[in-house]
Amino acid sequence: MLELDGVLVATTYLNVIPNLSRSASPYAVIENVVVEESLRGTGLGREIMAGTLRAAWDAGCYKAMLMTGSHNPATHASYRASGFSPDAKTAYLARPT
């Protein structure tokens, strides 16, 4: 969570997943990245993402993964600027039928 003057302005959800490979190093999945709409483009997304990644590295994660359903080019640019590569993995999603 990121607050300004006591008001929640950005959030992410960090999942640290135990792992048997990579010398039992966990990995991270980041979800629900949200920045208050009126404050988008101000650097808050990059700030909260930096903190989220720092928490993942501090937890010993060897990688962090993030998926988005957004088609907004600015969203994708923000993730790339935060260090994510869009072509490192292929993601698939299944939902209950």
PDB file of N, CA and C in Angstrom:
ATOM      1  N   MET A   1       0.839  -1.178   0.000  1.00  0.00           N
ATOM      2  CA  MET A   1       0.000   0.000   0.000  1.00  0.00           C
ATOM      3  C   MET A   1       0.885   1.243   0.000  1.00  0.00           C
ATOM      4  N   LEU A   2       0.433   2.239  -0.694  1.00  0.00           N
ATOM      5  CA  LEU A   2       1.120   3.526  -0.713  1.00  0.00           C
ATOM      6  C   LEU A   2       0.107   4.592  -0.341  1.00  0.00           C
ATOM      7  N   GLU A   3       0.447   5.367   0.678  1.00  0.00           N
ATOM      8  CA  GLU A   3      -0.450   6.416   1.154  1.00  0.00           C
ATOM      9  C   GLU A   3       0.198   7.775   0.991  1.00  0.00           C
ATOM     10  N   LEU A   4      -0.623   8.782   0.716  1.00  0.00           N
ATOM     11  CA  LEU A   4      -0.217  10.182   0.698  1.00  0.00           C
ATOM     12  C   LEU A   4      -1.152  10.924   1.634  1.00  0.00           C
ATOM     13  N   ASP A   5      -0.592  11.580   2.620  1.00  0.00           N
ATOM     14  CA  ASP A   5      -1.388  12.321   3.598  1.00  0.00           C
ATOM     15  C   ASP A   5      -2.484  11.457   4.211  1.00  0.00           C
ATOM     16  N   GLY A   6      -2.154  10.190   4.480  1.00  0.00           N
ATOM     17  CA  GLY A   6      -3.099   9.292   5.118  1.00  0.00           C
ATOM     18  C   GLY A   6      -4.159   8.707   4.204  1.00  0.00           C
ATOM     19  N   VAL A   7      -4.043   8.972   2.902  1.00  0.00           N
ATOM     20  CA  VAL A   7      -5.026   8.466   1.936  1.00  0.00           C
ATOM     21  C   VAL A   7      -4.363   7.402   1.060  1.00  0.00           C
ATOM     22  N   LEU A   8      -4.998   6.254   0.935  1.00  0.00           N
ATOM     23  CA  LEU A   8      -4.502   5.183   0.083  1.00  0.00           C
ATOM     24  C   LEU A   8      -4.547   5.631  -1.376  1.00  0.00           C
ATOM     25  N   VAL A   9      -3.385   5.617  -2.060  1.00  0.00           N
ATOM     26  CA  VAL A   9      -3.335   6.083  -3.445  1.00  0.00           C
ATOM     27  C   VAL A   9      -2.857   5.009  -4.418  1.00  0.00           C
ATOM     28  N   ALA A  10      -2.240   3.946  -3.903  1.00  0.00           N
ATOM     29  CA  ALA A  10      -1.777   2.872  -4.780  1.00  0.00           C
ATOM     30  C   ALA A  10      -1.636   1.592  -3.968  1.00  0.00           C
ATOM     31  N   THR A  11      -1.806   0.473  -4.645  1.00  0.00           N
ATOM     32  CA  THR A  11      -1.694  -0.807  -3.969  1.00  0.00           C
ATOM     33  C   THR A  11      -1.240  -1.885  -4.946  1.00  0.00           C
ATOM     34  N   THR A  12      -0.615  -2.903  -4.419  1.00  0.00           N
ATOM     35  CA  THR A  12      -0.316  -4.136  -5.150  1.00  0.00           C
ATOM     36  C   THR A  12      -0.543  -5.290  -4.192  1.00  0.00           C
ATOM     37  N   TYR A  13      -0.602  -6.475  -4.739  1.00  0.00           N
ATOM     38  CA  TYR A  13      -0.695  -7.677  -3.917  1.00  0.00           C
ATOM     39  C   TYR A  13       0.468  -8.572  -4.298  1.00  0.00           C
ATOM     40  N   LEU A  14       1.336  -8.862  -3.343  1.00  0.00           N
ATOM     41  CA  LEU A  14       2.519  -9.688  -3.565  1.00  0.00           C
ATOM     42  C   LEU A  14       2.288 -11.079  -2.999  1.00  0.00           C
ATOM     43  N   ASN A  15       2.373 -12.063  -3.869  1.00  0.00           N
ATOM     44  CA  ASN A  15       2.281 -13.468  -3.464  1.00  0.00           C
ATOM     45  C   ASN A  15       3.682 -14.062  -3.526  1.00  0.00           C
ATOM     46  N   VAL A  16       4.187 -14.551  -2.415  1.00  0.00           N
ATOM     47  CA  VAL A  16       5.478 -15.240  -2.392  1.00  0.00           C
ATOM     48  C   VAL A  16       5.174 -16.734  -2.370  1.00  0.00           C
ATOM     49  N   ILE A  17       5.601 -17.420  -3.416  1.00  0.00           N
ATOM     50  CA  ILE A  17       5.242 -18.817  -3.635  1.00  0.00           C
ATOM     51  C   ILE A  17       6.435 -19.722  -3.303  1.00  0.00           C
ATOM     52  N   PRO A  18       6.266 -20.673  -2.374  1.00  0.00           N
ATOM     53  CA  PRO A  18       7.342 -21.637  -2.114  1.00  0.00           C
ATOM     54  C   PRO A  18       7.627 -22.443  -3.386  1.00  0.00           C
ATOM     55  N   ASN A  19       8.832 -22.938  -3.482  1.00  0.00           N
ATOM     56  CA  ASN A  19       9.266 -23.570  -4.719  1.00  0.00           C
ATOM     57  C   ASN A  19      10.238 -24.694  -4.397  1.00  0.00           C
ATOM     58  N   LEU A  20      10.199 -25.788  -5.144  1.00  0.00           N
ATOM     59  CA  LEU A  20      11.141 -26.884  -4.932  1.00  0.00           C
ATOM     60  C   LEU A  20      12.369 -26.775  -5.831  1.00  0.00           C
ATOM     61  N   SER A  21      12.267 -26.057  -6.927  1.00  0.00           N
ATOM     62  CA  SER A  21      13.426 -25.897  -7.801  1.00  0.00           C
ATOM     63  C   SER A  21      14.200 -24.641  -7.418  1.00  0.00           C
ATOM     64  N   ARG A  22      15.267 -24.353  -8.129  1.00  0.00           N
ATOM     65  CA  ARG A  22      16.086 -23.161  -7.852  1.00  0.00           C
ATOM     66  C   ARG A  22      16.570 -23.136  -6.415  1.00  0.00           C
ATOM     67  N   SER A  23      17.064 -24.279  -5.933  1.00  0.00           N
ATOM     68  CA  SER A  23      17.562 -24.407  -4.559  1.00  0.00           C
ATOM     69  C   SER A  23      16.493 -24.019  -3.535  1.00  0.00           C
ATOM     70  N   ALA A  24      15.258 -24.333  -3.859  1.00  0.00           N
ATOM     71  CA  ALA A  24      14.095 -24.044  -3.005  1.00  0.00           C
ATOM     72  C   ALA A  24      13.862 -22.546  -2.817  1.00  0.00           C
ATOM     73  N   SER A  25      14.330 -21.737  -3.760  1.00  0.00           N
ATOM     74  CA  SER A  25      14.067 -20.291  -3.698  1.00  0.00           C
ATOM     75  C   SER A  25      12.634 -20.016  -4.127  1.00  0.00           C
ATOM     76  N   PRO A  26      11.913 -19.192  -3.390  1.00  0.00           N
ATOM     77  CA  PRO A  26      10.539 -18.862  -3.780  1.00  0.00           C
ATOM     78  C   PRO A  26      10.525 -17.930  -4.988  1.00  0.00           C
ATOM     79  N   TYR A  27       9.356 -17.791  -5.568  1.00  0.00           N
ATOM     80  CA  TYR A  27       9.160 -16.794  -6.619  1.00  0.00           C
ATOM     81  C   TYR A  27       7.952 -15.946  -6.254  1.00  0.00           C
ATOM     82  N   ALA A  28       7.818 -14.814  -6.917  1.00  0.00           N
ATOM     83  CA  ALA A  28       6.749 -13.865  -6.596  1.00  0.00           C
ATOM     84  C   ALA A  28       5.774 -13.735  -7.760  1.00  0.00           C
ATOM     85  N   VAL A  29       4.512 -13.563  -7.410  1.00  0.00           N
ATOM     86  CA  VAL A  29       3.475 -13.208  -8.366  1.00  0.00           C
ATOM     87  C   VAL A  29       2.843 -11.918  -7.847  1.00  0.00           C
ATOM     88  N   ILE A  30       2.840 -10.914  -8.685  1.00  0.00           N
ATOM     89  CA  ILE A  30       2.295  -9.609  -8.305  1.00  0.00           C
ATOM     90  C   ILE A  30       0.959  -9.433  -9.007  1.00  0.00           C
ATOM     91  N   GLU A  31      -0.053  -9.068  -8.236  1.00  0.00           N
ATOM     92  CA  GLU A  31      -1.397  -8.902  -8.776  1.00  0.00           C
ATOM     93  C   GLU A  31      -2.024  -7.615  -8.251  1.00  0.00           C
ATOM     94  N   ASN A  32      -3.146  -7.269  -8.832  1.00  0.00           N
ATOM     95  CA  ASN A  32      -3.980  -6.165  -8.351  1.00  0.00           C
ATOM     96  C   ASN A  32      -3.196  -4.870  -8.169  1.00  0.00           C
ATOM     97  N   VAL A  33      -2.466  -4.496  -9.208  1.00  0.00           N
ATOM     98  CA  VAL A  33      -1.730  -3.230  -9.201  1.00  0.00           C
ATOM     99  C   VAL A  33      -2.727  -2.125  -9.537  1.00  0.00           C
ATOM    100  N   VAL A  34      -2.924  -1.211  -8.593  1.00  0.00           N
ATOM    101  CA  VAL A  34      -3.913  -0.154  -8.777  1.00  0.00           C
ATOM    102  C   VAL A  34      -3.329   1.165  -8.284  1.00  0.00           C
ATOM    103  N   VAL A  35      -3.459   2.195  -9.113  1.00  0.00           N
ATOM    104  CA  VAL A  35      -3.107   3.566  -8.724  1.00  0.00           C
ATOM    105  C   VAL A  35      -4.364   4.411  -8.883  1.00  0.00           C
ATOM    106  N   GLU A  36      -4.640   5.248  -7.888  1.00  0.00           N
ATOM    107  CA  GLU A  36      -5.787   6.159  -7.958  1.00  0.00           C
ATOM    108  C   GLU A  36      -5.802   6.830  -9.325  1.00  0.00           C
ATOM    109  N   GLU A  37      -6.928   6.749  -9.993  1.00  0.00           N
ATOM    110  CA  GLU A  37      -7.030   7.205 -11.388  1.00  0.00           C
ATOM    111  C   GLU A  37      -6.553   8.642 -11.589  1.00  0.00           C
ATOM    112  N   SER A  38      -6.895   9.530 -10.684  1.00  0.00           N
ATOM    113  CA  SER A  38      -6.520  10.938 -10.855  1.00  0.00           C
ATOM    114  C   SER A  38      -5.020  11.172 -10.656  1.00  0.00           C
ATOM    115  N   LEU A  39      -4.304  10.157 -10.125  1.00  0.00           N
ATOM    116  CA  LEU A  39      -2.872  10.312  -9.858  1.00  0.00           C
ATOM    117  C   LEU A  39      -1.998   9.468 -10.777  1.00  0.00           C
ATOM    118  N   ARG A  40      -2.600   8.818 -11.752  1.00  0.00           N
ATOM    119  CA  ARG A  40      -1.817   8.020 -12.701  1.00  0.00           C
ATOM    120  C   ARG A  40      -0.932   8.934 -13.527  1.00  0.00           C
ATOM    121  N   GLY A  41       0.254   8.429 -13.830  1.00  0.00           N
ATOM    122  CA  GLY A  41       1.213   9.219 -14.598  1.00  0.00           C
ATOM    123  C   GLY A  41       2.080  10.122 -13.734  1.00  0.00           C
ATOM    124  N   THR A  42       1.963  10.002 -12.416  1.00  0.00           N
ATOM    125  CA  THR A  42       2.733  10.861 -11.515  1.00  0.00           C
ATOM    126  C   THR A  42       3.933  10.147 -10.899  1.00  0.00           C
ATOM    127  N   GLY A  43       4.151   8.890 -11.254  1.00  0.00           N
ATOM    128  CA  GLY A  43       5.270   8.134 -10.710  1.00  0.00           C
ATOM    129  C   GLY A  43       4.915   7.246  -9.536  1.00  0.00           C
ATOM    130  N   LEU A  44       3.668   7.303  -9.083  1.00  0.00           N
ATOM    131  CA  LEU A  44       3.265   6.473  -7.949  1.00  0.00           C
ATOM    132  C   LEU A  44       3.287   4.989  -8.286  1.00  0.00           C
ATOM    133  N   GLY A  45       2.920   4.647  -9.503  1.00  0.00           N
ATOM    134  CA  GLY A  45       2.963   3.247  -9.931  1.00  0.00           C
ATOM    135  C   GLY A  45       4.377   2.711  -9.895  1.00  0.00           C
ATOM    136  N   ARG A  46       5.309   3.486 -10.392  1.00  0.00           N
ATOM    137  CA  ARG A  46       6.710   3.066 -10.373  1.00  0.00           C
ATOM    138  C   ARG A  46       7.205   2.954  -8.924  1.00  0.00           C
ATOM    139  N   GLU A  47       6.761   3.872  -8.081  1.00  0.00           N
ATOM    140  CA  GLU A  47       7.176   3.847  -6.678  1.00  0.00           C
ATOM    141  C   GLU A  47       6.644   2.609  -5.951  1.00  0.00           C
ATOM    142  N   ILE A  48       5.368   2.305  -6.140  1.00  0.00           N
ATOM    143  CA  ILE A  48       4.825   1.135  -5.441  1.00  0.00           C
ATOM    144  C   ILE A  48       5.386  -0.148  -6.033  1.00  0.00           C
ATOM    145  N   MET A  49       5.636  -0.165  -7.337  1.00  0.00           N
ATOM    146  CA  MET A  49       6.211  -1.366  -7.945  1.00  0.00           C
ATOM    147  C   MET A  49       7.634  -1.587  -7.445  1.00  0.00           C
ATOM    148  N   ALA A  50       8.406  -0.513  -7.278  1.00  0.00           N
ATOM    149  CA  ALA A  50       9.760  -0.647  -6.741  1.00  0.00           C
ATOM    150  C   ALA A  50       9.719  -1.225  -5.330  1.00  0.00           C
ATOM    151  N   GLY A  51       8.793  -0.766  -4.521  1.00  0.00           N
ATOM    152  CA  GLY A  51       8.654  -1.296  -3.170  1.00  0.00           C
ATOM    153  C   GLY A  51       8.206  -2.746  -3.159  1.00  0.00           C
ATOM    154  N   THR A  52       7.314  -3.092  -4.066  1.00  0.00           N
ATOM    155  CA  THR A  52       6.830  -4.469  -4.163  1.00  0.00           C
ATOM    156  C   THR A  52       7.954  -5.403  -4.587  1.00  0.00           C
ATOM    157  N   LEU A  53       8.732  -4.992  -5.582  1.00  0.00           N
ATOM    158  CA  LEU A  53       9.862  -5.806  -6.013  1.00  0.00           C
ATOM    159  C   LEU A  53      10.916  -5.913  -4.911  1.00  0.00           C
ATOM    160  N   ARG A  54      11.153  -4.840  -4.200  1.00  0.00           N
ATOM    161  CA  ARG A  54      12.105  -4.873  -3.091  1.00  0.00           C
ATOM    162  C   ARG A  54      11.652  -5.906  -2.040  1.00  0.00           C
ATOM    163  N   ALA A  55      10.363  -5.938  -1.753  1.00  0.00           N
ATOM    164  CA  ALA A  55       9.826  -6.915  -0.799  1.00  0.00           C
ATOM    165  C   ALA A  55      10.013  -8.341  -1.321  1.00  0.00           C
ATOM    166  N   ALA A  56       9.823  -8.537  -2.621  1.00  0.00           N
ATOM    167  CA  ALA A  56      10.028  -9.860  -3.220  1.00  0.00           C
ATOM    168  C   ALA A  56      11.491 -10.282  -3.106  1.00  0.00           C
ATOM    169  N   TRP A  57      12.403  -9.371  -3.427  1.00  0.00           N
ATOM    170  CA  TRP A  57      13.839  -9.706  -3.349  1.00  0.00           C
ATOM    171  C   TRP A  57      14.238  -9.945  -1.893  1.00  0.00           C
ATOM    172  N   ASP A  58      13.715  -9.136  -0.979  1.00  0.00           N
ATOM    173  CA  ASP A  58      14.013  -9.322   0.447  1.00  0.00           C
ATOM    174  C   ASP A  58      13.504 -10.677   0.957  1.00  0.00           C
ATOM    175  N   ALA A  59      12.437 -11.192   0.340  1.00  0.00           N
ATOM    176  CA  ALA A  59      11.885 -12.498   0.715  1.00  0.00           C
ATOM    177  C   ALA A  59      12.656 -13.644   0.066  1.00  0.00           C
ATOM    178  N   GLY A  60      13.689 -13.325  -0.722  1.00  0.00           N
ATOM    179  CA  GLY A  60      14.511 -14.350  -1.354  1.00  0.00           C
ATOM    180  C   GLY A  60      13.993 -14.854  -2.670  1.00  0.00           C
ATOM    181  N   CYS A  61      13.007 -14.166  -3.258  1.00  0.00           N
ATOM    182  CA  CYS A  61      12.461 -14.604  -4.544  1.00  0.00           C
ATOM    183  C   CYS A  61      13.511 -14.481  -5.634  1.00  0.00           C
ATOM    184  N   TYR A  62      13.557 -15.486  -6.519  1.00  0.00           N
ATOM    185  CA  TYR A  62      14.513 -15.438  -7.614  1.00  0.00           C
ATOM    186  C   TYR A  62      13.922 -14.798  -8.867  1.00  0.00           C
ATOM    187  N   LYS A  63      12.593 -14.614  -8.883  1.00  0.00           N
ATOM    188  CA  LYS A  63      11.942 -13.921  -9.990  1.00  0.00           C
ATOM    189  C   LYS A  63      10.606 -13.378  -9.508  1.00  0.00           C
ATOM    190  N   ALA A  64      10.083 -12.431 -10.249  1.00  0.00           N
ATOM    191  CA  ALA A  64       8.746 -11.890  -9.987  1.00  0.00           C
ATOM    192  C   ALA A  64       7.985 -11.887 -11.296  1.00  0.00           C
ATOM    193  N   MET A  65       6.760 -12.354 -11.245  1.00  0.00           N
ATOM    194  CA  MET A  65       5.912 -12.401 -12.434  1.00  0.00           C
ATOM    195  C   MET A  65       4.690 -11.522 -12.221  1.00  0.00           C
ATOM    196  N   LEU A  66       4.218 -10.952 -13.297  1.00  0.00           N
ATOM    197  CA  LEU A  66       3.053 -10.075 -13.257  1.00  0.00           C
ATOM    198  C   LEU A  66       2.282 -10.283 -14.548  1.00  0.00           C
ATOM    199  N   MET A  67       0.982 -10.409 -14.444  1.00  0.00           N
ATOM    200  CA  MET A  67       0.122 -10.471 -15.628  1.00  0.00           C
ATOM    201  C   MET A  67      -0.827  -9.293 -15.571  1.00  0.00           C
ATOM    202  N   THR A  68      -1.237  -8.838 -16.742  1.00  0.00           N
ATOM    203  CA  THR A  68      -2.213  -7.760 -16.801  1.00  0.00           C
ATOM    204  C   THR A  68      -3.231  -8.054 -17.892  1.00  0.00           C
ATOM    205  N   GLY A  69      -4.426  -7.627 -17.648  1.00  0.00           N
ATOM    206  CA  GLY A  69      -5.467  -7.712 -18.661  1.00  0.00           C
ATOM    207  C   GLY A  69      -5.642  -6.379 -19.375  1.00  0.00           C
ATOM    208  N   SER A  70      -4.831  -5.401 -18.989  1.00  0.00           N
ATOM    209  CA  SER A  70      -4.945  -4.068 -19.571  1.00  0.00           C
ATOM    210  C   SER A  70      -4.429  -4.049 -21.006  1.00  0.00           C
ATOM    211  N   HIS A  71      -5.120  -3.302 -21.822  1.00  0.00           N
ATOM    212  CA  HIS A  71      -4.670  -3.078 -23.201  1.00  0.00           C
ATOM    213  C   HIS A  71      -4.138  -1.663 -23.364  1.00  0.00           C
ATOM    214  N   ASN A  72      -4.023  -0.944 -22.258  1.00  0.00           N
ATOM    215  CA  ASN A  72      -3.548   0.435 -22.276  1.00  0.00           C
ATOM    216  C   ASN A  72      -2.031   0.452 -22.476  1.00  0.00           C
ATOM    217  N   PRO A  73      -1.543   1.065 -23.547  1.00  0.00           N
ATOM    218  CA  PRO A  73      -0.095   1.102 -23.790  1.00  0.00           C
ATOM    219  C   PRO A  73       0.690   1.738 -22.636  1.00  0.00           C
ATOM    220  N   ALA A  74       0.114   2.708 -21.946  1.00  0.00           N
ATOM    221  CA  ALA A  74       0.800   3.348 -20.820  1.00  0.00           C
ATOM    222  C   ALA A  74       1.015   2.360 -19.675  1.00  0.00           C
ATOM    223  N   THR A  75       0.073   1.475 -19.463  1.00  0.00           N
ATOM    224  CA  THR A  75       0.226   0.451 -18.430  1.00  0.00           C
ATOM    225  C   THR A  75       1.398  -0.454 -18.754  1.00  0.00           C
ATOM    226  N   HIS A  76       1.460  -0.903 -19.994  1.00  0.00           N
ATOM    227  CA  HIS A  76       2.545  -1.788 -20.417  1.00  0.00           C
ATOM    228  C   HIS A  76       3.890  -1.065 -20.367  1.00  0.00           C
ATOM    229  N   ALA A  77       3.921   0.181 -20.743  1.00  0.00           N
ATOM    230  CA  ALA A  77       5.157   0.965 -20.673  1.00  0.00           C
ATOM    231  C   ALA A  77       5.624   1.097 -19.230  1.00  0.00           C
ATOM    232  N   SER A  78       4.695   1.282 -18.319  1.00  0.00           N
ATOM    233  CA  SER A  78       5.031   1.398 -16.898  1.00  0.00           C
ATOM    234  C   SER A  78       5.647   0.107 -16.378  1.00  0.00           C
ATOM    235  N   TYR A  79       5.080  -1.029 -16.745  1.00  0.00           N
ATOM    236  CA  TYR A  79       5.627  -2.308 -16.300  1.00  0.00           C
ATOM    237  C   TYR A  79       7.023  -2.534 -16.884  1.00  0.00           C
ATOM    238  N   ARG A  80       7.202  -2.194 -18.158  1.00  0.00           N
ATOM    239  CA  ARG A  80       8.539  -2.323 -18.755  1.00  0.00           C
ATOM    240  C   ARG A  80       9.529  -1.406 -18.056  1.00  0.00           C
ATOM    241  N   ALA A  81       9.121  -0.189 -17.726  1.00  0.00           N
ATOM    242  CA  ALA A  81       9.999   0.760 -17.033  1.00  0.00           C
ATOM    243  C   ALA A  81      10.346   0.275 -15.621  1.00  0.00           C
ATOM    244  N   SER A  82       9.492  -0.573 -15.062  1.00  0.00           N
ATOM    245  CA  SER A  82       9.744  -1.116 -13.730  1.00  0.00           C
ATOM    246  C   SER A  82      10.628  -2.357 -13.773  1.00  0.00           C
ATOM    247  N   GLY A  83      11.010  -2.791 -14.972  1.00  0.00           N
ATOM    248  CA  GLY A  83      11.929  -3.920 -15.103  1.00  0.00           C
ATOM    249  C   GLY A  83      11.316  -5.215 -15.587  1.00  0.00           C
ATOM    250  N   PHE A  84      10.038  -5.210 -15.936  1.00  0.00           N
ATOM    251  CA  PHE A  84       9.387  -6.421 -16.426  1.00  0.00           C
ATOM    252  C   PHE A  84       9.569  -6.555 -17.930  1.00  0.00           C
ATOM    253  N   SER A  85       9.772  -7.788 -18.373  1.00  0.00           N
ATOM    254  CA  SER A  85       9.913  -8.081 -19.797  1.00  0.00           C
ATOM    255  C   SER A  85       8.642  -8.761 -20.287  1.00  0.00           C
ATOM    256  N   PRO A  86       8.026  -8.248 -21.350  1.00  0.00           N
ATOM    257  CA  PRO A  86       6.780  -8.858 -21.829  1.00  0.00           C
ATOM    258  C   PRO A  86       6.997 -10.145 -22.627  1.00  0.00           C
ATOM    259  N   ASP A  87       8.236 -10.464 -22.963  1.00  0.00           N
ATOM    260  CA  ASP A  87       8.462 -11.625 -23.805  1.00  0.00           C
ATOM    261  C   ASP A  87       9.289 -12.712 -23.127  1.00  0.00           C
ATOM    262  N   ALA A  88       9.389 -12.683 -21.800  1.00  0.00           N
ATOM    263  CA  ALA A  88      10.167 -13.691 -21.083  1.00  0.00           C
ATOM    264  C   ALA A  88       9.380 -14.978 -20.860  1.00  0.00           C
ATOM    265  N   LYS A  89       8.071 -14.869 -20.734  1.00  0.00           N
ATOM    266  CA  LYS A  89       7.206 -16.029 -20.481  1.00  0.00           C
ATOM    267  C   LYS A  89       5.915 -15.867 -21.275  1.00  0.00           C
ATOM    268  N   THR A  90       5.207 -16.963 -21.433  1.00  0.00           N
ATOM    269  CA  THR A  90       3.869 -16.928 -22.009  1.00  0.00           C
ATOM    270  C   THR A  90       2.895 -17.312 -20.902  1.00  0.00           C
ATOM    271  N   ALA A  91       1.858 -16.532 -20.724  1.00  0.00           N
ATOM    272  CA  ALA A  91       0.887 -16.807 -19.667  1.00  0.00           C
ATOM    273  C   ALA A  91      -0.407 -17.324 -20.272  1.00  0.00           C
ATOM    274  N   TYR A  92      -1.018 -18.270 -19.575  1.00  0.00           N
ATOM    275  CA  TYR A  92      -2.328 -18.786 -19.938  1.00  0.00           C
ATOM    276  C   TYR A  92      -3.217 -18.674 -18.716  1.00  0.00           C
ATOM    277  N   LEU A  93      -4.487 -18.514 -18.936  1.00  0.00           N
ATOM    278  CA  LEU A  93      -5.426 -18.336 -17.852  1.00  0.00           C
ATOM    279  C   LEU A  93      -6.600 -19.297 -18.041  1.00  0.00           C
ATOM    280  N   ALA A  94      -6.951 -19.998 -16.999  1.00  0.00           N
ATOM    281  CA  ALA A  94      -8.119 -20.868 -17.017  1.00  0.00           C
ATOM    282  C   ALA A  94      -9.097 -20.361 -15.967  1.00  0.00           C
ATOM    283  N   ARG A  95     -10.354 -20.452 -16.271  1.00  0.00           N
ATOM    284  CA  ARG A  95     -11.409 -20.083 -15.334  1.00  0.00           C
ATOM    285  C   ARG A  95     -12.365 -21.273 -15.188  1.00  0.00           C
ATOM    286  N   PRO A  96     -13.006 -21.376 -14.039  1.00  0.00           N
ATOM    287  CA  PRO A  96     -13.946 -22.487 -13.882  1.00  0.00           C
ATOM    288  C   PRO A  96     -15.112 -22.354 -14.860  1.00  0.00           C
ATOM    289  N   THR A  97     -15.591 -23.465 -15.327  1.00  0.00           N
ATOM    290  CA  THR A  97     -16.707 -23.437 -16.276  1.00  0.00           C
ATOM    291  C   THR A  97     -17.999 -23.781 -15.585  1.00  0.00           C
TER     292      THR A  97
END
